[in-house]
Structure formats: C-alpha cells, structure tokens
C-alpha cells in the first residue's frame, strides 16, 4: 500500500505498517462522507465500487473519529477538508460468530440488478 504523503492528515490516521484488524465489535461505528441532501439515504447516489467506510475502531483502540472522514485524501485536489459534506454514521448492531458482518447492497443500474 502506498504511504500517505499529505502532511495535513494527522499521524494517528496513517497506516504506518499497522496490521489489518479483520474483526469488529458490536457498537463500533462506520463513517461515510456524503452531501447534506443525501443524508436521509447516503447510498442512493453511489455505485458499489464507491462504497467504503472509515471504522471508528475497537473499544480502547480508536482508529478514527467522525470528523476524520472529512479529510481529503486525493493529493490532486487543493482542499484539505470537505467543509460542504456531512458524515453518515452507521453502528454495528450485530455480528456473525467470527465477529465479522455481511454487507448486502443491491443496486438497479441500466435494468440490471447488482448485488454485492
């Protein structure tokens, strides 16, 4: 994975060779940046390939906070933070026996139903 070269991103948010954590906890939050007008359904205008979230992390080991999702990570853009966006917060309410979850998303596009 490419190292982040954006100096305005707080150091605590950098990967810095941290190992991936492949399990979740009930009560953990997932954050997604979206437009205010889409807050009632923040997934209605995106494709499956655009679906991603920032994790809040596990109890006692916070990965990121809600406002952190507003940082711009695109080095080609001149803004540091998206001030015109809001954060959609999803809470993990239940998990399977492996402390993972199955995310099901269905989208109608060009008369084709896509499920991931």
PDB file of N, CA and C in Angstrom:
ATOM      1  N   UNK A   1       0.835  -1.182   0.000  1.00  0.00           N
ATOM      2  CA  UNK A   1       0.000   0.000   0.000  1.00  0.00           C
ATOM      3  C   UNK A   1       0.881   1.247   0.000  1.00  0.00           C
ATOM      4  N   UNK A   2       0.498   2.226  -0.777  1.00  0.00           N
ATOM      5  CA  UNK A   2       1.264   3.467  -0.890  1.00  0.00           C
ATOM      6  C   UNK A   2       1.154   4.277   0.397  1.00  0.00           C
ATOM      7  N   UNK A   3       2.279   4.832   0.857  1.00  0.00           N
ATOM      8  CA  UNK A   3       2.293   5.657   2.061  1.00  0.00           C
ATOM      9  C   UNK A   3       1.659   7.016   1.775  1.00  0.00           C
ATOM     10  N   UNK A   4       0.940   7.548   2.741  1.00  0.00           N
ATOM     11  CA  UNK A   4       0.301   8.854   2.605  1.00  0.00           C
ATOM     12  C   UNK A   4       1.351   9.948   2.670  1.00  0.00           C
ATOM     13  N   UNK A   5       1.297  10.873   1.727  1.00  0.00           N
ATOM     14  CA  UNK A   5       2.256  11.976   1.688  1.00  0.00           C
ATOM     15  C   UNK A   5       1.590  13.321   1.996  1.00  0.00           C
ATOM     16  N   UNK A   6       0.360  13.302   2.474  1.00  0.00           N
ATOM     17  CA  UNK A   6      -0.366  14.527   2.759  1.00  0.00           C
ATOM     18  C   UNK A   6      -0.084  14.953   4.202  1.00  0.00           C
ATOM     19  N   UNK A   7       0.638  16.061   4.363  1.00  0.00           N
ATOM     20  CA  UNK A   7       1.091  16.446   5.698  1.00  0.00           C
ATOM     21  C   UNK A   7      -0.019  16.944   6.610  1.00  0.00           C
ATOM     22  N   UNK A   8      -1.206  17.245   6.089  1.00  0.00           N
ATOM     23  CA  UNK A   8      -2.294  17.704   6.942  1.00  0.00           C
ATOM     24  C   UNK A   8      -3.108  16.558   7.536  1.00  0.00           C
ATOM     25  N   UNK A   9      -2.893  15.341   7.084  1.00  0.00           N
ATOM     26  CA  UNK A   9      -3.573  14.182   7.660  1.00  0.00           C
ATOM     27  C   UNK A   9      -2.880  13.862   8.990  1.00  0.00           C
ATOM     28  N   UNK A  10      -3.619  13.815  10.102  1.00  0.00           N
ATOM     29  CA  UNK A  10      -2.992  13.536  11.395  1.00  0.00           C
ATOM     30  C   UNK A  10      -2.230  12.207  11.396  1.00  0.00           C
ATOM     31  N   UNK A  11      -1.109  12.185  12.061  1.00  0.00           N
ATOM     32  CA  UNK A  11      -0.254  10.992  12.103  1.00  0.00           C
ATOM     33  C   UNK A  11      -1.004   9.763  12.613  1.00  0.00           C
ATOM     34  N   UNK A  12      -1.928   9.947  13.546  1.00  0.00           N
ATOM     35  CA  UNK A  12      -2.668   8.813  14.110  1.00  0.00           C
ATOM     36  C   UNK A  12      -3.528   8.103  13.068  1.00  0.00           C
ATOM     37  N   UNK A  13      -3.798   8.757  11.944  1.00  0.00           N
ATOM     38  CA  UNK A  13      -4.612   8.148  10.892  1.00  0.00           C
ATOM     39  C   UNK A  13      -3.785   7.413   9.836  1.00  0.00           C
ATOM     40  N   UNK A  14      -2.469   7.533   9.896  1.00  0.00           N
ATOM     41  CA  UNK A  14      -1.612   6.863   8.918  1.00  0.00           C
ATOM     42  C   UNK A  14      -1.500   5.381   9.242  1.00  0.00           C
ATOM     43  N   UNK A  15      -1.360   4.574   8.216  1.00  0.00           N
ATOM     44  CA  UNK A  15      -1.261   3.131   8.404  1.00  0.00           C
ATOM     45  C   UNK A  15       0.025   2.760   9.144  1.00  0.00           C
ATOM     46  N   UNK A  16       1.152   3.334   8.723  1.00  0.00           N
ATOM     47  CA  UNK A  16       2.440   3.089   9.379  1.00  0.00           C
ATOM     48  C   UNK A  16       2.675   1.618   9.708  1.00  0.00           C
ATOM     49  N   UNK A  17       2.439   0.760   8.737  1.00  0.00           N
ATOM     50  CA  UNK A  17       2.670  -0.688   8.862  1.00  0.00           C
ATOM     51  C   UNK A  17       1.830  -1.357   9.937  1.00  0.00           C
ATOM     52  N   UNK A  18       0.712  -0.754  10.337  1.00  0.00           N
ATOM     53  CA  UNK A  18      -0.192  -1.402  11.283  1.00  0.00           C
ATOM     54  C   UNK A  18      -0.815  -2.601  10.588  1.00  0.00           C
ATOM     55  N   UNK A  19      -0.976  -3.664  11.314  1.00  0.00           N
ATOM     56  CA  UNK A  19      -1.610  -4.851  10.752  1.00  0.00           C
ATOM     57  C   UNK A  19      -3.117  -4.630  10.638  1.00  0.00           C
ATOM     58  N   UNK A  20      -3.742  -5.190   9.602  1.00  0.00           N
ATOM     59  CA  UNK A  20      -5.193  -5.055   9.476  1.00  0.00           C
ATOM     60  C   UNK A  20      -5.894  -5.784  10.620  1.00  0.00           C
ATOM     61  N   UNK A  21      -7.002  -5.240  11.068  1.00  0.00           N
ATOM     62  CA  UNK A  21      -7.835  -5.895  12.077  1.00  0.00           C
ATOM     63  C   UNK A  21      -9.078  -6.369  11.343  1.00  0.00           C
ATOM     64  N   UNK A  22      -9.231  -7.675  11.256  1.00  0.00           N
ATOM     65  CA  UNK A  22     -10.263  -8.278  10.412  1.00  0.00           C
ATOM     66  C   UNK A  22     -11.499  -8.693  11.193  1.00  0.00           C
ATOM     67  N   UNK A  23     -11.744  -8.070  12.331  1.00  0.00           N
ATOM     68  CA  UNK A  23     -12.951  -8.357  13.082  1.00  0.00           C
ATOM     69  C   UNK A  23     -13.491  -7.046  13.645  1.00  0.00           C
ATOM     70  N   UNK A  24     -14.751  -7.071  14.019  1.00  0.00           N
ATOM     71  CA  UNK A  24     -15.445  -5.889  14.511  1.00  0.00           C
ATOM     72  C   UNK A  24     -15.991  -6.162  15.900  1.00  0.00           C
ATOM     73  N   UNK A  25     -16.529  -5.127  16.522  1.00  0.00           N
ATOM     74  CA  UNK A  25     -17.244  -5.270  17.791  1.00  0.00           C
ATOM     75  C   UNK A  25     -18.609  -4.624  17.648  1.00  0.00           C
ATOM     76  N   UNK A  26     -19.592  -5.221  18.289  1.00  0.00           N
ATOM     77  CA  UNK A  26     -20.903  -4.599  18.343  1.00  0.00           C
ATOM     78  C   UNK A  26     -20.731  -3.238  19.010  1.00  0.00           C
ATOM     79  N   UNK A  27     -21.333  -2.226  18.450  1.00  0.00           N
ATOM     80  CA  UNK A  27     -21.206  -0.870  18.958  1.00  0.00           C
ATOM     81  C   UNK A  27     -20.164  -0.048  18.219  1.00  0.00           C
ATOM     82  N   UNK A  28     -19.364  -0.697  17.379  1.00  0.00           N
ATOM     83  CA  UNK A  28     -18.386   0.038  16.580  1.00  0.00           C
ATOM     84  C   UNK A  28     -19.137   0.836  15.512  1.00  0.00           C
ATOM     85  N   UNK A  29     -18.587   1.981  15.143  1.00  0.00           N
ATOM     86  CA  UNK A  29     -19.226   2.844  14.158  1.00  0.00           C
ATOM     87  C   UNK A  29     -18.478   2.812  12.833  1.00  0.00           C
ATOM     88  N   UNK A  30     -19.232   2.964  11.757  1.00  0.00           N
ATOM     89  CA  UNK A  30     -18.687   3.121  10.416  1.00  0.00           C
ATOM     90  C   UNK A  30     -19.098   4.508   9.946  1.00  0.00           C
ATOM     91  N   UNK A  31     -18.146   5.272   9.411  1.00  0.00           N
ATOM     92  CA  UNK A  31     -18.398   6.642   8.984  1.00  0.00           C
ATOM     93  C   UNK A  31     -18.267   6.746   7.470  1.00  0.00           C
ATOM     94  N   UNK A  32     -19.158   7.546   6.873  1.00  0.00           N
ATOM     95  CA  UNK A  32     -19.105   7.793   5.433  1.00  0.00           C
ATOM     96  C   UNK A  32     -19.397   9.255   5.167  1.00  0.00           C
ATOM     97  N   UNK A  33     -18.594   9.871   4.319  1.00  0.00           N
ATOM     98  CA  UNK A  33     -18.778  11.266   3.927  1.00  0.00           C
ATOM     99  C   UNK A  33     -19.863  11.327   2.851  1.00  0.00           C
ATOM    100  N   UNK A  34     -20.767  12.287   2.964  1.00  0.00           N
ATOM    101  CA  UNK A  34     -21.808  12.434   1.942  1.00  0.00           C
ATOM    102  C   UNK A  34     -22.290  13.884   1.900  1.00  0.00           C
ATOM    103  N   UNK A  35     -23.089  14.183   0.910  1.00  0.00           N
ATOM    104  CA  UNK A  35     -23.696  15.509   0.792  1.00  0.00           C
ATOM    105  C   UNK A  35     -24.873  15.610   1.766  1.00  0.00           C
ATOM    106  N   UNK A  36     -25.142  16.812   2.268  1.00  0.00           N
ATOM    107  CA  UNK A  36     -26.251  17.019   3.201  1.00  0.00           C
ATOM    108  C   UNK A  36     -27.569  16.531   2.619  1.00  0.00           C
ATOM    109  N   UNK A  37     -27.780  16.792   1.345  1.00  0.00           N
ATOM    110  CA  UNK A  37     -29.047  16.414   0.715  1.00  0.00           C
ATOM    111  C   UNK A  37     -29.231  14.905   0.650  1.00  0.00           C
ATOM    112  N   UNK A  38     -28.153  14.144   0.797  1.00  0.00           N
ATOM    113  CA  UNK A  38     -28.223  12.686   0.713  1.00  0.00           C
ATOM    114  C   UNK A  38     -28.215  12.004   2.072  1.00  0.00           C
ATOM    115  N   UNK A  39     -28.233  12.778   3.150  1.00  0.00           N
ATOM    116  CA  UNK A  39     -28.100  12.197   4.477  1.00  0.00           C
ATOM    117  C   UNK A  39     -29.227  11.228   4.815  1.00  0.00           C
ATOM    118  N   UNK A  40     -30.433  11.455   4.258  1.00  0.00           N
ATOM    119  CA  UNK A  40     -31.543  10.533   4.536  1.00  0.00           C
ATOM    120  C   UNK A  40     -31.301   9.159   3.919  1.00  0.00           C
ATOM    121  N   UNK A  41     -30.548   9.090   2.821  1.00  0.00           N
ATOM    122  CA  UNK A  41     -30.181   7.820   2.189  1.00  0.00           C
ATOM    123  C   UNK A  41     -28.827   8.019   1.510  1.00  0.00           C
ATOM    124  N   UNK A  42     -27.736   7.938   2.266  1.00  0.00           N
ATOM    125  CA  UNK A  42     -26.413   8.277   1.723  1.00  0.00           C
ATOM    126  C   UNK A  42     -25.874   7.298   0.690  1.00  0.00           C
ATOM    127  N   UNK A  43     -26.591   6.215   0.426  1.00  0.00           N
ATOM    128  CA  UNK A  43     -26.112   5.223  -0.527  1.00  0.00           C
ATOM    129  C   UNK A  43     -26.858   5.259  -1.856  1.00  0.00           C
ATOM    130  N   UNK A  44     -27.833   6.156  -1.980  1.00  0.00           N
ATOM    131  CA  UNK A  44     -28.675   6.143  -3.176  1.00  0.00           C
ATOM    132  C   UNK A  44     -27.971   6.636  -4.432  1.00  0.00           C
ATOM    133  N   UNK A  45     -26.915   7.420  -4.297  1.00  0.00           N
ATOM    134  CA  UNK A  45     -26.285   8.002  -5.484  1.00  0.00           C
ATOM    135  C   UNK A  45     -24.892   7.443  -5.771  1.00  0.00           C
ATOM    136  N   UNK A  46     -24.499   6.366  -5.105  1.00  0.00           N
ATOM    137  CA  UNK A  46     -23.159   5.827  -5.333  1.00  0.00           C
ATOM    138  C   UNK A  46     -23.249   4.434  -5.923  1.00  0.00           C
ATOM    139  N   UNK A  47     -22.189   4.036  -6.575  1.00  0.00           N
ATOM    140  CA  UNK A  47     -22.133   2.677  -7.112  1.00  0.00           C
ATOM    141  C   UNK A  47     -21.463   1.774  -6.083  1.00  0.00           C
ATOM    142  N   UNK A  48     -21.548   0.500  -6.283  1.00  0.00           N
ATOM    143  CA  UNK A  48     -20.935  -0.461  -5.362  1.00  0.00           C
ATOM    144  C   UNK A  48     -19.435  -0.231  -5.256  1.00  0.00           C
ATOM    145  N   UNK A  49     -18.793   0.148  -6.338  1.00  0.00           N
ATOM    146  CA  UNK A  49     -17.344   0.360  -6.295  1.00  0.00           C
ATOM    147  C   UNK A  49     -16.961   1.566  -5.457  1.00  0.00           C
ATOM    148  N   UNK A  50     -17.903   2.474  -5.205  1.00  0.00           N
ATOM    149  CA  UNK A  50     -17.624   3.654  -4.391  1.00  0.00           C
ATOM    150  C   UNK A  50     -17.957   3.443  -2.915  1.00  0.00           C
ATOM    151  N   UNK A  51     -18.477   2.280  -2.560  1.00  0.00           N
ATOM    152  CA  UNK A  51     -18.943   2.027  -1.205  1.00  0.00           C
ATOM    153  C   UNK A  51     -17.762   1.721  -0.292  1.00  0.00           C
ATOM    154  N   UNK A  52     -17.470   2.632   0.605  1.00  0.00           N
ATOM    155  CA  UNK A  52     -16.409   2.405   1.583  1.00  0.00           C
ATOM    156  C   UNK A  52     -16.724   3.183   2.848  1.00  0.00           C
ATOM    157  N   UNK A  53     -16.107   2.771   3.933  1.00  0.00           N
ATOM    158  CA  UNK A  53     -16.364   3.380   5.232  1.00  0.00           C
ATOM    159  C   UNK A  53     -15.055   3.517   5.999  1.00  0.00           C
ATOM    160  N   UNK A  54     -15.018   4.476   6.905  1.00  0.00           N
ATOM    161  CA  UNK A  54     -13.946   4.569   7.888  1.00  0.00           C
ATOM    162  C   UNK A  54     -14.474   3.941   9.165  1.00  0.00           C
ATOM    163  N   UNK A  55     -13.659   3.144   9.809  1.00  0.00           N
ATOM    164  CA  UNK A  55     -14.058   2.478  11.050  1.00  0.00           C
ATOM    165  C   UNK A  55     -13.684   3.319  12.258  1.00  0.00           C
ATOM    166  N   UNK A  56     -14.543   3.309  13.247  1.00  0.00           N
ATOM    167  CA  UNK A  56     -14.216   4.011  14.493  1.00  0.00           C
ATOM    168  C   UNK A  56     -13.178   3.237  15.283  1.00  0.00           C
ATOM    169  N   UNK A  57     -13.173   1.932  15.117  1.00  0.00           N
ATOM    170  CA  UNK A  57     -12.220   1.110  15.850  1.00  0.00           C
ATOM    171  C   UNK A  57     -12.863   0.376  16.996  1.00  0.00           C
ATOM    172  N   UNK A  58     -12.020  -0.320  17.703  1.00  0.00           N
ATOM    173  CA  UNK A  58     -12.468  -1.155  18.798  1.00  0.00           C
ATOM    174  C   UNK A  58     -12.389  -0.389  20.109  1.00  0.00           C
ATOM    175  N   UNK A  59     -13.135  -0.838  21.089  1.00  0.00           N
ATOM    176  CA  UNK A  59     -13.115  -0.179  22.403  1.00  0.00           C
ATOM    177  C   UNK A  59     -11.686  -0.125  22.920  1.00  0.00           C
ATOM    178  N   UNK A  60     -11.256   1.046  23.329  1.00  0.00           N
ATOM    179  CA  UNK A  60      -9.900   1.215  23.852  1.00  0.00           C
ATOM    180  C   UNK A  60      -8.840   1.348  22.776  1.00  0.00           C
ATOM    181  N   UNK A  61      -9.222   1.221  21.498  1.00  0.00           N
ATOM    182  CA  UNK A  61      -8.271   1.352  20.393  1.00  0.00           C
ATOM    183  C   UNK A  61      -8.980   2.050  19.235  1.00  0.00           C
ATOM    184  N   UNK A  62      -9.214   3.336  19.374  1.00  0.00           N
ATOM    185  CA  UNK A  62      -9.965   4.105  18.377  1.00  0.00           C
ATOM    186  C   UNK A  62      -9.095   4.338  17.151  1.00  0.00           C
ATOM    187  N   UNK A  63      -9.621   3.991  15.977  1.00  0.00           N
ATOM    188  CA  UNK A  63      -8.912   4.199  14.710  1.00  0.00           C
ATOM    189  C   UNK A  63      -9.113   5.625  14.218  1.00  0.00           C
ATOM    190  N   UNK A  64     -10.370   6.044  14.172  1.00  0.00           N
ATOM    191  CA  UNK A  64     -10.672   7.395  13.707  1.00  0.00           C
ATOM    192  C   UNK A  64     -11.957   7.869  14.344  1.00  0.00           C
ATOM    193  N   UNK A  65     -12.139   9.167  14.304  1.00  0.00           N
ATOM    194  CA  UNK A  65     -13.333   9.798  14.846  1.00  0.00           C
ATOM    195  C   UNK A  65     -14.193  10.299  13.697  1.00  0.00           C
ATOM    196  N   UNK A  66     -15.425  10.609  14.000  1.00  0.00           N
ATOM    197  CA  UNK A  66     -16.384  11.029  12.977  1.00  0.00           C
ATOM    198  C   UNK A  66     -15.860  12.137  12.068  1.00  0.00           C
ATOM    199  N   UNK A  67     -15.271  13.227  12.582  1.00  0.00           N
ATOM    200  CA  UNK A  67     -14.815  14.304  11.685  1.00  0.00           C
ATOM    201  C   UNK A  67     -13.635  13.912  10.791  1.00  0.00           C
ATOM    202  N   UNK A  68     -12.934  12.839  11.130  1.00  0.00           N
ATOM    203  CA  UNK A  68     -11.767  12.433  10.340  1.00  0.00           C
ATOM    204  C   UNK A  68     -12.122  12.046   8.914  1.00  0.00           C
ATOM    205  N   UNK A  69     -13.344  11.606   8.690  1.00  0.00           N
ATOM    206  CA  UNK A  69     -13.765  11.182   7.353  1.00  0.00           C
ATOM    207  C   UNK A  69     -13.867  12.366   6.394  1.00  0.00           C
ATOM    208  N   UNK A  70     -13.854  13.573   6.935  1.00  0.00           N
ATOM    209  CA  UNK A  70     -13.948  14.764   6.080  1.00  0.00           C
ATOM    210  C   UNK A  70     -12.603  15.172   5.481  1.00  0.00           C
ATOM    211  N   UNK A  71     -11.493  14.555   5.907  1.00  0.00           N
ATOM    212  CA  UNK A  71     -10.203  14.866   5.298  1.00  0.00           C
ATOM    213  C   UNK A  71     -10.188  14.414   3.845  1.00  0.00           C
ATOM    214  N   UNK A  72      -9.628  15.234   2.982  1.00  0.00           N
ATOM    215  CA  UNK A  72      -9.452  14.893   1.580  1.00  0.00           C
ATOM    216  C   UNK A  72      -8.182  14.050   1.453  1.00  0.00           C
ATOM    217  N   UNK A  73      -8.287  12.889   0.846  1.00  0.00           N
ATOM    218  CA  UNK A  73      -7.106  12.036   0.666  1.00  0.00           C
ATOM    219  C   UNK A  73      -6.638  12.008  -0.781  1.00  0.00           C
ATOM    220  N   UNK A  74      -7.230  12.855  -1.598  1.00  0.00           N
ATOM    221  CA  UNK A  74      -6.852  12.943  -3.002  1.00  0.00           C
ATOM    222  C   UNK A  74      -5.800  14.047  -3.166  1.00  0.00           C
ATOM    223  N   UNK A  75      -4.561  13.667  -3.391  1.00  0.00           N
ATOM    224  CA  UNK A  75      -3.458  14.630  -3.489  1.00  0.00           C
ATOM    225  C   UNK A  75      -3.613  15.585  -4.673  1.00  0.00           C
ATOM    226  N   UNK A  76      -4.456  15.243  -5.641  1.00  0.00           N
ATOM    227  CA  UNK A  76      -4.654  16.099  -6.814  1.00  0.00           C
ATOM    228  C   UNK A  76      -5.607  17.261  -6.548  1.00  0.00           C
ATOM    229  N   UNK A  77      -6.281  17.244  -5.413  1.00  0.00           N
ATOM    230  CA  UNK A  77      -7.199  18.323  -5.059  1.00  0.00           C
ATOM    231  C   UNK A  77      -6.510  19.266  -4.080  1.00  0.00           C
ATOM    232  N   UNK A  78      -6.877  20.528  -4.100  1.00  0.00           N
ATOM    233  CA  UNK A  78      -6.190  21.532  -3.283  1.00  0.00           C
ATOM    234  C   UNK A  78      -6.817  21.729  -1.897  1.00  0.00           C
ATOM    235  N   UNK A  79      -7.919  21.089  -1.605  1.00  0.00           N
ATOM    236  CA  UNK A  79      -8.554  21.266  -0.302  1.00  0.00           C
ATOM    237  C   UNK A  79      -8.080  20.198   0.684  1.00  0.00           C
ATOM    238  N   UNK A  80      -8.018  20.579   1.966  1.00  0.00           N
ATOM    239  CA  UNK A  80      -7.618  19.633   3.000  1.00  0.00           C
ATOM    240  C   UNK A  80      -8.827  18.905   3.584  1.00  0.00           C
ATOM    241  N   UNK A  81      -9.932  19.635   3.763  1.00  0.00           N
ATOM    242  CA  UNK A  81     -11.140  19.050   4.345  1.00  0.00           C
ATOM    243  C   UNK A  81     -12.346  19.453   3.518  1.00  0.00           C
ATOM    244  N   UNK A  82     -13.323  18.563   3.462  1.00  0.00           N
ATOM    245  CA  UNK A  82     -14.580  18.848   2.773  1.00  0.00           C
ATOM    246  C   UNK A  82     -15.524  19.536   3.762  1.00  0.00           C
ATOM    247  N   UNK A  83     -15.621  20.855   3.677  1.00  0.00           N
ATOM    248  CA  UNK A  83     -16.492  21.604   4.574  1.00  0.00           C
ATOM    249  C   UNK A  83     -17.946  21.589   4.125  1.00  0.00           C
ATOM    250  N   UNK A  84     -18.189  21.156   2.884  1.00  0.00           N
ATOM    251  CA  UNK A  84     -19.548  21.128   2.359  1.00  0.00           C
ATOM    252  C   UNK A  84     -20.191  19.749   2.495  1.00  0.00           C
ATOM    253  N   UNK A  85     -19.524  18.830   3.187  1.00  0.00           N
ATOM    254  CA  UNK A  85     -20.029  17.458   3.356  1.00  0.00           C
ATOM    255  C   UNK A  85     -20.432  17.239   4.809  1.00  0.00           C
ATOM    256  N   UNK A  86     -21.201  16.189   5.036  1.00  0.00           N
ATOM    257  CA  UNK A  86     -21.577  15.748   6.375  1.00  0.00           C
ATOM    258  C   UNK A  86     -21.179  14.289   6.519  1.00  0.00           C
ATOM    259  N   UNK A  87     -21.259  13.776   7.733  1.00  0.00           N
ATOM    260  CA  UNK A  87     -20.853  12.397   7.998  1.00  0.00           C
ATOM    261  C   UNK A  87     -22.073  11.557   8.323  1.00  0.00           C
ATOM    262  N   UNK A  88     -22.225  10.474   7.595  1.00  0.00           N
ATOM    263  CA  UNK A  88     -23.245   9.471   7.875  1.00  0.00           C
ATOM    264  C   UNK A  88     -22.613   8.471   8.843  1.00  0.00           C
ATOM    265  N   UNK A  89     -23.301   8.159   9.928  1.00  0.00           N
ATOM    266  CA  UNK A  89     -22.764   7.243  10.931  1.00  0.00           C
ATOM    267  C   UNK A  89     -23.638   5.991  10.975  1.00  0.00           C
ATOM    268  N   UNK A  90     -23.013   4.853  10.769  1.00  0.00           N
ATOM    269  CA  UNK A  90     -23.692   3.560  10.894  1.00  0.00           C
ATOM    270  C   UNK A  90     -23.109   2.838  12.099  1.00  0.00           C
ATOM    271  N   UNK A  91     -23.961   2.204  12.890  1.00  0.00           N
ATOM    272  CA  UNK A  91     -23.485   1.454  14.050  1.00  0.00           C
ATOM    273  C   UNK A  91     -23.633  -0.034  13.784  1.00  0.00           C
ATOM    274  N   UNK A  92     -22.615  -0.799  14.123  1.00  0.00           N
ATOM    275  CA  UNK A  92     -22.695  -2.256  14.001  1.00  0.00           C
ATOM    276  C   UNK A  92     -23.537  -2.764  15.159  1.00  0.00           C
ATOM    277  N   UNK A  93     -24.674  -3.336  14.828  1.00  0.00           N
ATOM    278  CA  UNK A  93     -25.632  -3.799  15.835  1.00  0.00           C
ATOM    279  C   UNK A  93     -25.488  -5.284  16.147  1.00  0.00           C
ATOM    280  N   UNK A  94     -25.062  -6.074  15.166  1.00  0.00           N
ATOM    281  CA  UNK A  94     -24.843  -7.495  15.429  1.00  0.00           C
ATOM    282  C   UNK A  94     -23.795  -8.023  14.463  1.00  0.00           C
ATOM    283  N   UNK A  95     -23.204  -9.140  14.832  1.00  0.00           N
ATOM    284  CA  UNK A  95     -22.124  -9.747  14.055  1.00  0.00           C
ATOM    285  C   UNK A  95     -22.341 -11.249  13.976  1.00  0.00           C
ATOM    286  N   UNK A  96     -21.660 -11.885  13.034  1.00  0.00           N
ATOM    287  CA  UNK A  96     -21.741 -13.340  12.984  1.00  0.00           C
ATOM    288  C   UNK A  96     -20.760 -13.940  13.993  1.00  0.00           C
ATOM    289  N   UNK A  97     -20.639 -15.250  14.011  1.00  0.00           N
ATOM    290  CA  UNK A  97     -19.811 -15.933  15.013  1.00  0.00           C
ATOM    291  C   UNK A  97     -18.319 -15.620  14.883  1.00  0.00           C
ATOM    292  N   UNK A  98     -17.887 -15.090  13.740  1.00  0.00           N
ATOM    293  CA  UNK A  98     -16.481 -14.736  13.532  1.00  0.00           C
ATOM    294  C   UNK A  98     -16.208 -13.257  13.804  1.00  0.00           C
ATOM    295  N   UNK A  99     -17.179 -12.561  14.410  1.00  0.00           N
ATOM    296  CA  UNK A  99     -17.085 -11.114  14.654  1.00  0.00           C
ATOM    297  C   UNK A  99     -16.838 -10.342  13.359  1.00  0.00           C
ATOM    298  N   UNK A 100     -17.472 -10.780  12.300  1.00  0.00           N
ATOM    299  CA  UNK A 100     -17.475 -10.076  11.023  1.00  0.00           C
ATOM    300  C   UNK A 100     -18.945  -9.828  10.673  1.00  0.00           C
ATOM    301  N   UNK A 101     -19.173  -9.133   9.601  1.00  0.00           N
ATOM    302  CA  UNK A 101     -20.541  -8.900   9.172  1.00  0.00           C
ATOM    303  C   UNK A 101     -20.624  -9.059   7.671  1.00  0.00           C
ATOM    304  N   UNK A 102     -21.796  -9.353   7.199  1.00  0.00           N
ATOM    305  CA  UNK A 102     -22.038  -9.462   5.765  1.00  0.00           C
ATOM    306  C   UNK A 102     -22.780  -8.213   5.339  1.00  0.00           C
ATOM    307  N   UNK A 103     -22.204  -7.489   4.429  1.00  0.00           N
ATOM    308  CA  UNK A 103     -22.815  -6.265   3.916  1.00  0.00           C
ATOM    309  C   UNK A 103     -23.496  -6.612   2.599  1.00  0.00           C
ATOM    310  N   UNK A 104     -24.784  -6.481   2.562  1.00  0.00           N
ATOM    311  CA  UNK A 104     -25.531  -6.753   1.341  1.00  0.00           C
ATOM    312  C   UNK A 104     -26.028  -5.427   0.788  1.00  0.00           C
ATOM    313  N   UNK A 105     -25.754  -5.209  -0.467  1.00  0.00           N
ATOM    314  CA  UNK A 105     -26.147  -3.972  -1.128  1.00  0.00           C
ATOM    315  C   UNK A 105     -26.653  -4.323  -2.506  1.00  0.00           C
ATOM    316  N   UNK A 106     -27.820  -3.872  -2.827  1.00  0.00           N
ATOM    317  CA  UNK A 106     -28.409  -4.137  -4.137  1.00  0.00           C
ATOM    318  C   UNK A 106     -28.629  -2.805  -4.844  1.00  0.00           C
ATOM    319  N   UNK A 107     -28.293  -2.777  -6.115  1.00  0.00           N
ATOM    320  CA  UNK A 107     -28.426  -1.549  -6.894  1.00  0.00           C
ATOM    321  C   UNK A 107     -29.016  -1.877  -8.257  1.00  0.00           C
ATOM    322  N   UNK A 108     -29.995  -1.099  -8.661  1.00  0.00           N
ATOM    323  CA  UNK A 108     -30.555  -1.212 -10.003  1.00  0.00           C
ATOM    324  C   UNK A 108     -29.798  -0.248 -10.904  1.00  0.00           C
ATOM    325  N   UNK A 109     -29.211  -0.759 -11.975  1.00  0.00           N
ATOM    326  CA  UNK A 109     -28.487   0.107 -12.892  1.00  0.00           C
ATOM    327  C   UNK A 109     -28.659  -0.440 -14.305  1.00  0.00           C
ATOM    328  N   UNK A 110     -29.153   0.396 -15.185  1.00  0.00           N
ATOM    329  CA  UNK A 110     -29.369   0.007 -16.585  1.00  0.00           C
ATOM    330  C   UNK A 110     -30.185  -1.277 -16.690  1.00  0.00           C
ATOM    331  N   UNK A 111     -31.251  -1.348 -15.889  1.00  0.00           N
ATOM    332  CA  UNK A 111     -32.150  -2.508 -15.861  1.00  0.00           C
ATOM    333  C   UNK A 111     -31.463  -3.801 -15.424  1.00  0.00           C
ATOM    334  N   UNK A 112     -30.336  -3.695 -14.744  1.00  0.00           N
ATOM    335  CA  UNK A 112     -29.614  -4.856 -14.226  1.00  0.00           C
ATOM    336  C   UNK A 112     -29.537  -4.701 -12.714  1.00  0.00           C
ATOM    337  N   UNK A 113     -29.853  -5.760 -11.983  1.00  0.00           N
ATOM    338  CA  UNK A 113     -29.728  -5.721 -10.526  1.00  0.00           C
ATOM    339  C   UNK A 113     -28.350  -6.248 -10.146  1.00  0.00           C
ATOM    340  N   UNK A 114     -27.613  -5.447  -9.379  1.00  0.00           N
ATOM    341  CA  UNK A 114     -26.262  -5.806  -8.931  1.00  0.00           C
ATOM    342  C   UNK A 114     -26.329  -6.017  -7.426  1.00  0.00           C
ATOM    343  N   UNK A 115     -25.874  -7.162  -6.957  1.00  0.00           N
ATOM    344  CA  UNK A 115     -25.815  -7.422  -5.528  1.00  0.00           C
ATOM    345  C   UNK A 115     -24.394  -7.777  -5.157  1.00  0.00           C
ATOM    346  N   UNK A 116     -23.884  -7.135  -4.118  1.00  0.00           N
ATOM    347  CA  UNK A 116     -22.524  -7.428  -3.653  1.00  0.00           C
ATOM    348  C   UNK A 116     -22.572  -7.903  -2.230  1.00  0.00           C
TER     349      UNK A 116
END
